[in-house]
Amino acid sequence: MEKPGLDLELLEHNGARPVQFEPQQTIFSEGETGKVMYLVRDGQVALSIDGELVATL
């Protein structure tokens, strides 16, 4: 049985909009209240805690 993929059209229909970031640009900072959800479609994201890299996705 094939697993369903992510339906980007459905996300856009419900208000999701594509956003692009420059390399090394901060998307959000530790401690900020979350207001949106991000989905990485292409590229990588570095995650840090207290300024220390903990993961690259």
Protein backbone atom coordinates (compact mmCIF):
# COMPACT_ATOMS: atom_id res chain seq x y z
CA MET A 1 0.00 0.00 0.00
CA GLU A 2 1.39 3.37 -1.02
CA LYS A 3 1.77 6.01 1.70
CA PRO A 4 0.06 9.32 0.96
CA GLY A 5 2.38 12.24 0.29
CA LEU A 6 2.12 15.76 1.56
CA ASP A 7 -0.67 17.59 -0.26
CA LEU A 8 0.82 21.04 -0.89
CA GLU A 9 -2.30 22.20 -2.74
CA LEU A 10 -4.41 21.38 0.32
CA LEU A 11 -1.99 23.34 2.54
CA GLU A 12 -2.17 26.35 0.22
CA HIS A 13 -5.97 26.11 0.06
CA ASN A 14 -6.00 26.36 3.85
CA GLY A 15 -3.81 29.45 3.99
CA ALA A 16 -0.23 28.11 3.86
CA ARG A 17 2.06 30.29 1.79
CA PRO A 18 5.58 29.56 0.49
CA VAL A 19 8.37 31.55 2.17
CA GLN A 20 12.02 31.69 1.16
CA PHE A 21 14.94 32.51 3.45
CA GLU A 22 18.48 33.51 2.65
CA PRO A 23 21.40 31.32 3.76
CA GLN A 24 22.31 32.00 7.42
CA GLN A 25 19.08 33.99 7.96
CA THR A 26 17.44 33.47 11.35
CA ILE A 27 13.89 32.15 10.93
CA PHE A 28 12.98 32.33 14.61
CA SER A 29 14.87 32.49 17.88
CA GLU A 30 14.85 30.33 20.97
CA GLY A 31 12.25 31.54 23.46
CA GLU A 32 9.95 33.21 20.91
CA THR A 33 6.28 32.26 21.06
CA GLY A 34 5.35 30.15 18.04
CA LYS A 35 2.87 31.79 15.69
CA VAL A 36 3.34 29.73 12.53
CA MET A 37 4.56 26.31 11.43
CA TYR A 38 7.35 25.87 8.89
CA LEU A 39 7.79 23.00 6.46
CA VAL A 40 11.21 22.63 4.86
CA ARG A 41 10.65 21.70 1.22
CA ASP A 42 14.17 22.32 -0.03
CA GLY A 43 17.52 23.02 1.57
CA GLN A 44 18.63 22.64 5.17
CA VAL A 45 17.88 24.19 8.53
CA ALA A 46 20.32 24.41 11.44
CA LEU A 47 18.87 24.13 14.95
CA SER A 48 20.72 25.49 17.97
CA ILE A 49 20.15 25.69 21.71
CA ASP A 50 21.96 28.38 23.70
CA GLY A 51 23.96 29.16 20.56
CA GLU A 52 25.24 25.57 20.17
CA LEU A 53 24.35 23.62 17.02
CA VAL A 54 22.30 20.55 17.97
CA ALA A 55 20.97 19.40 14.57
CA THR A 56 20.92 20.12 10.88
CA LEU A 57 17.78 19.04 9.06
